[in-house]
Amino acid sequence: MIKITNQTDFTTKYIIDAKFSIKGVVEKSDIVGAIFGQTEGLLLDLDLRDLQKSGRIGRIEVETKSKEGISVGIIKIPSSLTRRETALLAATVETVSRVGPCEADIKLVDISDVRETKRQKIIERAAELLKEWDTKSLESSEIEEKMDTDIKLGEIISWGPEKLPAGPDIDKNPEILIVEGRADVLNLLRIGVKNTVAVQGTSIPKSIIKLTKQKSVVIAFLDGDRGGTIILNELLQVAKIDFIARAPEGHEVEELTRKQMIKALQHKKAISDISDSKDKGAQLTGKKAILRKLLKKLKVKDESIIIKAIDTIAPGHSIGFNKKVQKTFDMPVGEIFEKIRDYKDTLYLIFDGILTNRLLSISINMKIKFIACRNKEEKLRIPEQISVYLI
């Protein structure tokens, strides 16, 4: 293995991480040379040589190893450019298709914010200092409250392979509450609710999806903001949810009082009660209700056509629709990458497959508004201008 390391300077704001696969045994210098050579002139304001000379990007780092004639590894590019420029640079690097005589495939893994890491360390350290300060300055009236908090903190466990924050009764109780974060679990422990588990983000862990299918009653208790809505939409698509409880609008579960939490749980809504007036009172599943709401938000001319296409999509096929919800194409999924650009008026894409970063990039360039697919790559970042629905 060849590993080139370099200490990034103080001006570095972002790190571009990309992975590569090359059909041949190549050296680090070959890869770096190909990046410089094949991106030259693509974007006049973002010429790699000029950017390095001016100190706006750092030295390109490469980790590579070869096996059975295939070279794979990681490319890291430190950047002090703006967010927009850094994203353009990352997309440009993905266009490199050959290293010497060998075919190459480069894919972006992540663009990390170096400053965000520093901020997190500052926040963690500040929290430590504040905790020490609070401990030393406690009034007698605060001692009982702090003792209660410390006891509840001791009850939080790390559950599942993802080490998710959870209450001690999560495996014992046939009913569970799904919340957003550790602070929510703690607040519910304060009122004696011990069968909670936190998803820790908008990407629902597989262990929670499996757990919901094993429990008799599953309640999603989420914040009353946009973040809570995003997590709810994701849960309704991938997990079994029986009831929905929300914090008051604009509030988070972690900040609710005992009375507010009890009231929110008492007013939880059953998924089976979600209905749509256009269906003449017919019962809808939570997933179908989310789809209809999504299509209404996008102002689709005829929702029923899209819904029917999703329900009847043939295995391994893809369908496109234009603004008037007229079919633009119907083809095997394997042909999308080569042919979809020929159908420039496509606004709605439905396919029986996995949404990849490459297809998402093509869809962004084509200004597609809606994608319905079987699944999506892990850690795939969906921009606001595209709505993604999992079939």
Protein backbone atom coordinates (compact mmCIF):
# COMPACT_ATOMS: atom_id res chain seq x y z
CA MET A 1 0.00 0.00 0.00
CA ILE A 2 1.15 3.53 -0.80
CA LYS A 3 0.07 6.19 1.68
CA ILE A 4 0.86 9.84 1.12
CA THR A 5 0.01 12.07 4.08
CA ASN A 6 0.15 15.80 4.38
CA GLN A 7 -0.67 18.16 7.23
CA THR A 8 -3.36 20.56 5.99
CA ASP A 9 -2.66 24.22 6.70
CA PHE A 10 -4.69 26.60 8.81
CA THR A 11 -6.63 27.97 5.81
CA THR A 12 -8.21 24.62 4.94
CA LYS A 13 -12.00 24.75 5.24
CA TYR A 14 -13.13 21.56 3.49
CA ILE A 15 -11.75 18.10 2.67
CA ILE A 16 -12.95 16.38 -0.51
CA ASP A 17 -12.93 12.57 -0.08
CA ALA A 18 -13.30 10.43 -3.20
CA LYS A 19 -12.83 6.71 -3.82
CA PHE A 20 -11.46 5.22 -7.02
CA SER A 21 -11.24 1.93 -8.85
CA ILE A 22 -8.71 1.57 -11.69
CA LYS A 23 -8.37 -1.40 -14.02
CA GLY A 24 -4.61 -1.67 -13.75
CA VAL A 25 -1.70 -1.29 -11.34
CA VAL A 26 -0.83 2.41 -11.04
CA GLU A 27 1.20 4.66 -8.79
CA LYS A 28 0.08 7.66 -6.77
CA SER A 29 1.82 10.01 -9.19
CA ASP A 30 -0.15 8.51 -12.10
CA ILE A 31 -3.45 9.22 -10.34
CA VAL A 32 -2.51 12.79 -9.38
CA GLY A 33 -1.25 13.43 -12.92
CA ALA A 34 -4.49 12.15 -14.43
CA ILE A 35 -6.54 14.44 -12.15
CA PHE A 36 -4.53 17.49 -13.16
CA GLY A 37 -4.44 16.55 -16.84
CA GLN A 38 -8.08 15.60 -17.38
CA THR A 39 -9.59 18.49 -15.39
CA GLU A 40 -7.45 21.16 -17.03
CA GLY A 41 -9.56 23.66 -18.91
CA LEU A 42 -12.94 22.25 -17.83
CA LEU A 43 -13.63 25.16 -15.49
CA LEU A 44 -11.42 28.17 -16.19
CA ASP A 45 -11.81 29.64 -12.71
CA LEU A 46 -11.01 26.32 -11.03
CA ASP A 47 -7.79 25.18 -12.71
CA LEU A 48 -6.08 22.84 -10.23
CA ARG A 49 -2.55 24.09 -10.97
CA ASP A 50 -3.54 27.72 -10.45
CA LEU A 51 -5.48 26.85 -7.31
CA GLN A 52 -2.47 25.05 -5.81
CA LYS A 53 -0.11 27.87 -6.70
CA SER A 54 -2.39 30.38 -5.00
CA GLY A 55 -2.79 28.14 -1.94
CA ARG A 56 -6.55 27.73 -2.40
CA ILE A 57 -6.23 23.94 -2.48
CA GLY A 58 -3.61 21.86 -0.70
CA ARG A 59 -1.58 18.90 -1.75
CA ILE A 60 -3.65 16.02 -3.14
CA GLU A 61 -3.30 12.97 -0.90
CA VAL A 62 -3.71 9.43 -2.20
CA GLU A 63 -4.05 6.04 -0.52
CA THR A 64 -3.95 3.12 -2.94
CA LYS A 65 -3.55 -0.63 -2.98
CA SER A 66 -3.63 -3.16 -5.79
CA LYS A 67 -5.03 -6.65 -5.96
CA GLU A 68 -5.51 -8.94 -8.96
CA GLY A 69 -4.69 -6.11 -11.35
CA ILE A 70 -7.18 -3.62 -9.85
CA SER A 71 -6.07 -0.52 -7.97
CA VAL A 72 -8.47 0.93 -5.40
CA GLY A 73 -8.14 3.62 -2.79
CA ILE A 74 -8.98 7.09 -1.54
CA ILE A 75 -8.21 10.60 -2.80
CA LYS A 76 -8.23 13.57 -0.39
CA ILE A 77 -8.15 17.18 -1.56
CA PRO A 78 -7.96 19.98 1.06
CA SER A 79 -9.78 23.13 -0.06
CA SER A 80 -10.05 26.73 1.12
CA LEU A 81 -12.53 27.58 -1.65
CA THR A 82 -16.17 28.50 -1.07
CA ARG A 83 -18.79 25.77 -0.62
CA ARG A 84 -20.03 26.24 -4.20
CA GLU A 85 -16.50 26.15 -5.65
CA THR A 86 -15.55 23.12 -3.57
CA ALA A 87 -18.64 21.24 -4.80
CA LEU A 88 -17.78 22.16 -8.41
CA LEU A 89 -14.22 20.95 -7.89
CA ALA A 90 -15.45 17.63 -6.45
CA ALA A 91 -17.79 17.13 -9.42
CA THR A 92 -14.93 17.91 -11.81
CA VAL A 93 -12.68 15.28 -10.22
CA GLU A 94 -15.43 12.69 -10.77
CA THR A 95 -15.10 13.21 -14.54
CA VAL A 96 -11.63 11.61 -14.63
CA SER A 97 -12.14 8.38 -16.58
CA ARG A 98 -8.62 7.12 -17.28
CA VAL A 99 -5.28 6.90 -15.50
CA GLY A 100 -2.70 6.38 -18.20
CA PRO A 101 -3.99 3.56 -20.40
CA CYS A 102 -6.23 2.19 -17.62
CA GLU A 103 -9.97 2.76 -17.19
CA ALA A 104 -10.78 4.60 -13.98
CA ASP A 105 -13.93 5.26 -11.96
CA ILE A 106 -13.83 8.04 -9.34
CA LYS A 107 -16.78 8.66 -7.00
CA LEU A 108 -17.23 11.33 -4.35
CA VAL A 109 -17.57 9.89 -0.84
CA ASP A 110 -17.94 13.05 1.22
CA ILE A 111 -17.09 16.73 1.54
CA SER A 112 -16.29 17.34 5.20
CA ASP A 113 -16.16 20.72 6.89
CA VAL A 114 -12.93 20.98 8.88
CA ARG A 115 -14.31 23.95 10.75
CA GLU A 116 -17.35 21.95 11.85
CA THR A 117 -15.03 19.43 13.53
CA LYS A 118 -13.30 22.27 15.34
CA ARG A 119 -16.64 23.76 16.36
CA GLN A 120 -17.74 20.39 17.75
CA LYS A 121 -14.59 20.15 19.85
CA ILE A 122 -15.18 23.67 21.11
CA ILE A 123 -18.79 22.83 22.01
CA GLU A 124 -17.77 19.61 23.78
CA ARG A 125 -15.07 21.41 25.74
CA ALA A 126 -17.43 24.26 26.60
CA ALA A 127 -19.97 21.70 27.85
CA GLU A 128 -17.30 20.15 30.09
CA LEU A 129 -16.35 23.56 31.51
CA LEU A 130 -20.01 24.47 32.06
CA LYS A 131 -20.64 21.15 33.81
CA GLU A 132 -17.69 21.73 36.16
CA TRP A 133 -18.90 25.26 36.80
CA ASP A 134 -22.46 24.15 37.51
CA THR A 135 -21.25 21.41 39.87
CA LYS A 136 -19.26 23.89 41.90
CA SER A 137 -21.98 26.53 42.03
CA LEU A 138 -25.08 24.43 42.84
CA GLU A 139 -27.58 26.01 45.20
CA SER A 140 -29.17 23.77 47.80
CA SER A 141 -32.49 24.00 45.93
CA GLU A 142 -30.85 22.52 42.81
CA ILE A 143 -29.23 19.50 44.46
CA GLU A 144 -32.30 17.24 44.34
CA GLU A 145 -32.93 18.08 40.67
CA LYS A 146 -29.33 17.30 39.75
CA MET A 147 -29.43 14.01 41.67
CA ASP A 148 -32.58 13.05 39.76
CA THR A 149 -30.92 13.90 36.43
CA ASP A 150 -27.79 11.89 37.26
CA ILE A 151 -29.91 8.88 38.21
CA LYS A 152 -31.81 9.04 34.93
CA LEU A 153 -28.58 9.48 32.95
CA GLY A 154 -27.33 6.29 34.56
CA GLU A 155 -30.38 4.45 33.23
CA ILE A 156 -29.68 5.26 29.57
CA ILE A 157 -28.20 2.27 27.73
CA SER A 158 -26.48 1.82 24.37
CA TRP A 159 -28.74 -0.40 22.29
CA GLY A 160 -28.12 -2.38 19.11
CA PRO A 161 -25.11 -2.51 16.78
CA GLU A 162 -25.31 1.28 16.27
CA LYS A 163 -25.09 1.88 20.08
CA LEU A 164 -28.26 3.98 20.06
CA PRO A 165 -29.40 5.81 23.24
CA ALA A 166 -32.30 3.90 24.77
CA GLY A 167 -34.23 3.29 27.96
CA PRO A 168 -33.49 0.15 30.03
CA ASP A 169 -36.84 -1.50 29.14
CA ILE A 170 -36.49 -1.27 25.36
CA ASP A 171 -36.15 -5.05 24.94
CA LYS A 172 -38.57 -6.03 27.73
CA ASN A 173 -41.61 -3.94 26.84
CA PRO A 174 -43.89 -4.99 23.93
CA GLU A 175 -44.49 -1.27 23.28
CA ILE A 176 -41.76 1.20 22.27
CA LEU A 177 -41.40 4.93 21.65
CA ILE A 178 -39.09 6.13 18.90
CA VAL A 179 -37.56 9.58 19.49
CA GLU A 180 -34.92 11.68 17.75
CA GLY A 181 -31.98 11.97 20.15
CA ARG A 182 -30.37 11.15 23.49
CA ALA A 183 -31.83 14.25 25.20
CA ASP A 184 -35.36 13.05 24.29
CA VAL A 185 -34.68 9.65 25.88
CA LEU A 186 -33.45 11.42 29.04
CA ASN A 187 -36.48 13.69 29.28
CA LEU A 188 -38.85 10.71 28.99
CA LEU A 189 -36.88 8.85 31.65
CA ARG A 190 -37.62 11.76 33.99
CA ILE A 191 -41.34 10.88 33.82
CA GLY A 192 -40.69 7.15 34.12
CA VAL A 193 -40.93 6.18 30.43
CA LYS A 194 -38.16 3.61 29.97
CA ASN A 195 -39.07 1.92 26.66
CA THR A 196 -37.62 4.57 24.31
CA VAL A 197 -34.94 4.46 21.61
CA ALA A 198 -33.40 7.33 19.59
CA VAL A 199 -32.79 7.19 15.83
CA GLN A 200 -29.93 9.75 16.06
CA GLY A 201 -30.55 11.42 12.69
CA THR A 202 -32.71 11.30 9.57
CA SER A 203 -31.29 7.99 8.32
CA ILE A 204 -33.26 5.30 10.17
CA PRO A 205 -30.95 2.51 11.49
CA LYS A 206 -31.72 -1.00 10.22
CA SER A 207 -31.89 -2.29 13.80
CA ILE A 208 -34.83 0.04 14.55
CA ILE A 209 -36.62 -1.00 11.35
CA LYS A 210 -36.31 -4.63 12.48
CA LEU A 211 -37.32 -3.81 16.06
CA THR A 212 -40.56 -2.11 15.00
CA LYS A 213 -41.69 -5.32 13.31
CA GLN A 214 -41.16 -7.25 16.55
CA LYS A 215 -43.17 -4.94 18.84
CA SER A 216 -46.94 -4.93 19.27
CA VAL A 217 -47.19 -1.13 19.50
CA VAL A 218 -44.77 1.43 18.06
CA ILE A 219 -45.14 5.16 18.78
CA ALA A 220 -43.11 7.81 16.98
CA PHE A 221 -42.73 10.78 19.40
CA LEU A 222 -40.99 13.57 17.46
CA ASP A 223 -40.17 17.28 17.57
CA GLY A 224 -42.72 19.77 16.30
CA ASP A 225 -40.40 21.19 13.64
CA ARG A 226 -39.27 20.43 10.07
CA GLY A 227 -36.60 18.02 11.34
CA GLY A 228 -39.25 15.99 13.12
CA THR A 229 -41.35 15.89 9.96
CA ILE A 230 -38.40 14.65 7.87
CA ILE A 231 -37.72 11.82 10.34
CA LEU A 232 -41.44 10.96 10.46
CA ASN A 233 -41.62 10.74 6.65
CA GLU A 234 -38.62 8.42 6.62
CA LEU A 235 -40.05 6.23 9.41
CA LEU A 236 -43.40 5.86 7.67
CA GLN A 237 -41.66 4.63 4.54
CA VAL A 238 -39.31 2.05 6.08
CA ALA A 239 -40.68 1.00 9.49
CA LYS A 240 -43.91 -0.22 11.13
CA ILE A 241 -45.43 2.71 13.00
CA ASP A 242 -48.76 2.44 14.84
CA PHE A 243 -49.10 5.89 16.43
CA ILE A 244 -47.65 9.38 15.93
CA ALA A 245 -47.14 11.91 18.75
CA ARG A 246 -45.61 15.35 18.16
CA ALA A 247 -44.26 18.07 20.40
CA PRO A 248 -46.14 21.40 20.05
CA GLU A 249 -45.22 23.28 16.86
CA GLY A 250 -41.77 24.85 17.14
CA HIS A 251 -40.86 22.85 20.26
CA GLU A 252 -38.58 19.85 20.81
CA VAL A 253 -39.32 16.78 22.92
CA GLU A 254 -36.21 17.35 25.04
CA GLU A 255 -37.49 20.73 26.27
CA LEU A 256 -41.06 19.70 27.14
CA THR A 257 -42.34 19.68 30.70
CA ARG A 258 -43.85 16.58 32.28
CA LYS A 259 -47.36 17.92 31.63
CA GLN A 260 -46.60 18.70 27.96
CA MET A 261 -45.12 15.24 27.31
CA ILE A 262 -48.07 13.45 28.89
CA LYS A 263 -50.51 15.61 26.91
CA ALA A 264 -48.66 14.95 23.62
CA LEU A 265 -48.69 11.19 24.22
CA GLN A 266 -52.36 11.22 25.20
CA HIS A 267 -53.19 12.98 21.91
CA LYS A 268 -51.20 10.60 19.73
CA LYS A 269 -52.81 9.74 16.39
CA ALA A 270 -53.22 6.22 15.02
CA ILE A 271 -51.77 5.66 11.55
CA SER A 272 -55.01 3.96 10.55
CA ASP A 273 -56.87 7.25 11.19
CA ILE A 274 -54.91 9.17 8.56
CA SER A 275 -57.27 9.80 5.66
CA ASP A 276 -57.65 11.97 2.61
CA SER A 277 -60.87 13.75 1.70
CA LYS A 278 -60.44 12.93 -2.01
CA ASP A 279 -60.68 9.24 -1.17
CA LYS A 280 -64.23 9.73 0.23
CA GLY A 281 -63.14 8.76 3.72
CA ALA A 282 -61.28 5.63 2.65
CA GLN A 283 -58.53 4.60 5.06
CA LEU A 284 -54.95 5.16 3.87
CA THR A 285 -51.73 3.69 5.17
CA GLY A 286 -49.27 6.20 6.57
CA LYS A 287 -46.95 5.57 3.63
CA LYS A 288 -49.62 6.31 1.02
CA ALA A 289 -50.68 9.43 2.91
CA ILE A 290 -47.11 10.69 2.85
CA LEU A 291 -46.95 10.07 -0.92
CA ARG A 292 -50.15 12.00 -1.58
CA LYS A 293 -49.00 14.88 0.61
CA LEU A 294 -45.68 14.96 -1.23
CA LEU A 295 -47.32 15.02 -4.67
CA LYS A 296 -49.69 17.78 -3.57
CA LYS A 297 -46.75 19.86 -2.39
CA LEU A 298 -45.15 19.42 -5.82
CA LYS A 299 -48.45 20.46 -7.46
CA VAL A 300 -48.56 17.39 -9.68
CA LYS A 301 -51.27 17.81 -12.30
CA ASP A 302 -52.68 14.29 -11.83
CA GLU A 303 -51.49 12.49 -8.68
CA SER A 304 -53.33 9.27 -9.53
CA ILE A 305 -51.14 8.62 -12.58
CA ILE A 306 -47.94 8.82 -10.53
CA ILE A 307 -49.41 6.70 -7.71
CA LYS A 308 -50.61 4.05 -10.16
CA ALA A 309 -47.19 3.95 -11.85
CA ILE A 310 -45.52 3.44 -8.47
CA ASP A 311 -47.95 0.66 -7.52
CA THR A 312 -47.58 -1.16 -10.85
CA ILE A 313 -43.93 -0.56 -11.77
CA ALA A 314 -42.51 -3.69 -13.44
CA PRO A 315 -39.47 -5.34 -11.81
CA GLY A 316 -36.25 -3.82 -13.11
CA HIS A 317 -38.03 -1.05 -15.06
CA SER A 318 -38.06 2.75 -15.01
CA ILE A 319 -40.73 5.25 -16.08
CA GLY A 320 -40.51 8.99 -16.66
CA PHE A 321 -43.27 11.62 -16.77
CA ASN A 322 -43.24 15.25 -17.90
CA LYS A 323 -44.94 18.32 -16.39
CA LYS A 324 -48.32 17.29 -17.87
CA VAL A 325 -47.85 13.80 -16.33
CA GLN A 326 -47.43 12.30 -19.79
CA LYS A 327 -45.11 9.31 -20.05
CA THR A 328 -41.72 10.30 -21.53
CA PHE A 329 -40.11 6.84 -21.43
CA ASP A 330 -40.46 3.28 -20.15
CA MET A 331 -37.17 1.36 -20.18
CA PRO A 332 -35.08 -1.14 -18.18
CA VAL A 333 -33.26 0.42 -15.23
CA GLY A 334 -29.90 -0.56 -16.71
CA GLU A 335 -30.44 1.84 -19.63
CA ILE A 336 -31.20 4.94 -17.53
CA PHE A 337 -27.64 6.26 -17.30
CA GLU A 338 -27.14 6.20 -21.07
CA LYS A 339 -30.59 7.32 -22.27
CA ILE A 340 -32.30 9.46 -19.62
CA ARG A 341 -30.59 12.65 -20.82
CA ASP A 342 -32.45 12.24 -24.13
CA TYR A 343 -35.74 12.93 -22.29
CA LYS A 344 -35.03 16.49 -21.11
CA ASP A 345 -38.64 17.32 -20.21
CA THR A 346 -38.81 14.55 -17.56
CA LEU A 347 -39.87 15.91 -14.14
CA TYR A 348 -40.95 12.72 -12.36
CA LEU A 349 -38.82 9.54 -12.31
CA ILE A 350 -40.01 6.15 -11.01
CA PHE A 351 -37.77 3.09 -11.08
CA ASP A 352 -37.36 -0.31 -9.48
CA GLY A 353 -33.80 0.07 -8.29
CA ILE A 354 -31.34 1.88 -6.00
CA LEU A 355 -30.79 5.64 -6.23
CA THR A 356 -27.05 6.23 -6.58
CA ASN A 357 -25.02 9.40 -6.29
CA ARG A 358 -24.42 9.28 -10.06
CA LEU A 359 -28.12 9.07 -10.94
CA LEU A 360 -28.92 11.78 -8.38
CA SER A 361 -26.37 14.10 -10.01
CA ILE A 362 -27.90 13.48 -13.44
CA SER A 363 -31.38 14.16 -12.02
CA ILE A 364 -30.22 17.46 -10.49
CA ASN A 365 -28.79 18.57 -13.83
CA MET A 366 -32.07 17.63 -15.56
CA LYS A 367 -34.06 19.52 -12.87
CA ILE A 368 -36.11 16.43 -12.00
CA LYS A 369 -38.44 17.22 -9.06
CA PHE A 370 -39.52 13.78 -7.85
CA ILE A 371 -37.85 10.36 -7.68
CA ALA A 372 -39.57 7.16 -6.50
CA CYS A 373 -37.17 4.23 -6.07
CA ARG A 374 -36.76 0.93 -4.24
CA ASN A 375 -33.88 2.15 -2.07
CA LYS A 376 -31.00 4.64 -1.96
CA GLU A 377 -27.29 4.51 -1.25
CA GLU A 378 -26.29 4.99 2.40
CA LYS A 379 -25.34 8.55 3.38
CA LEU A 380 -26.75 9.89 0.11
CA ARG A 381 -27.40 13.60 0.52
CA ILE A 382 -30.71 14.60 -1.06
CA PRO A 383 -30.89 18.32 -2.01
CA GLU A 384 -34.03 20.32 -1.20
CA GLN A 385 -35.03 20.70 -4.86
CA ILE A 386 -35.65 16.94 -5.25
CA SER A 387 -38.19 14.86 -3.33
CA VAL A 388 -37.32 11.17 -2.92
CA TYR A 389 -39.94 8.54 -2.08
CA LEU A 390 -39.03 4.93 -1.25
CA ILE A 391 -41.36 2.42 -2.91
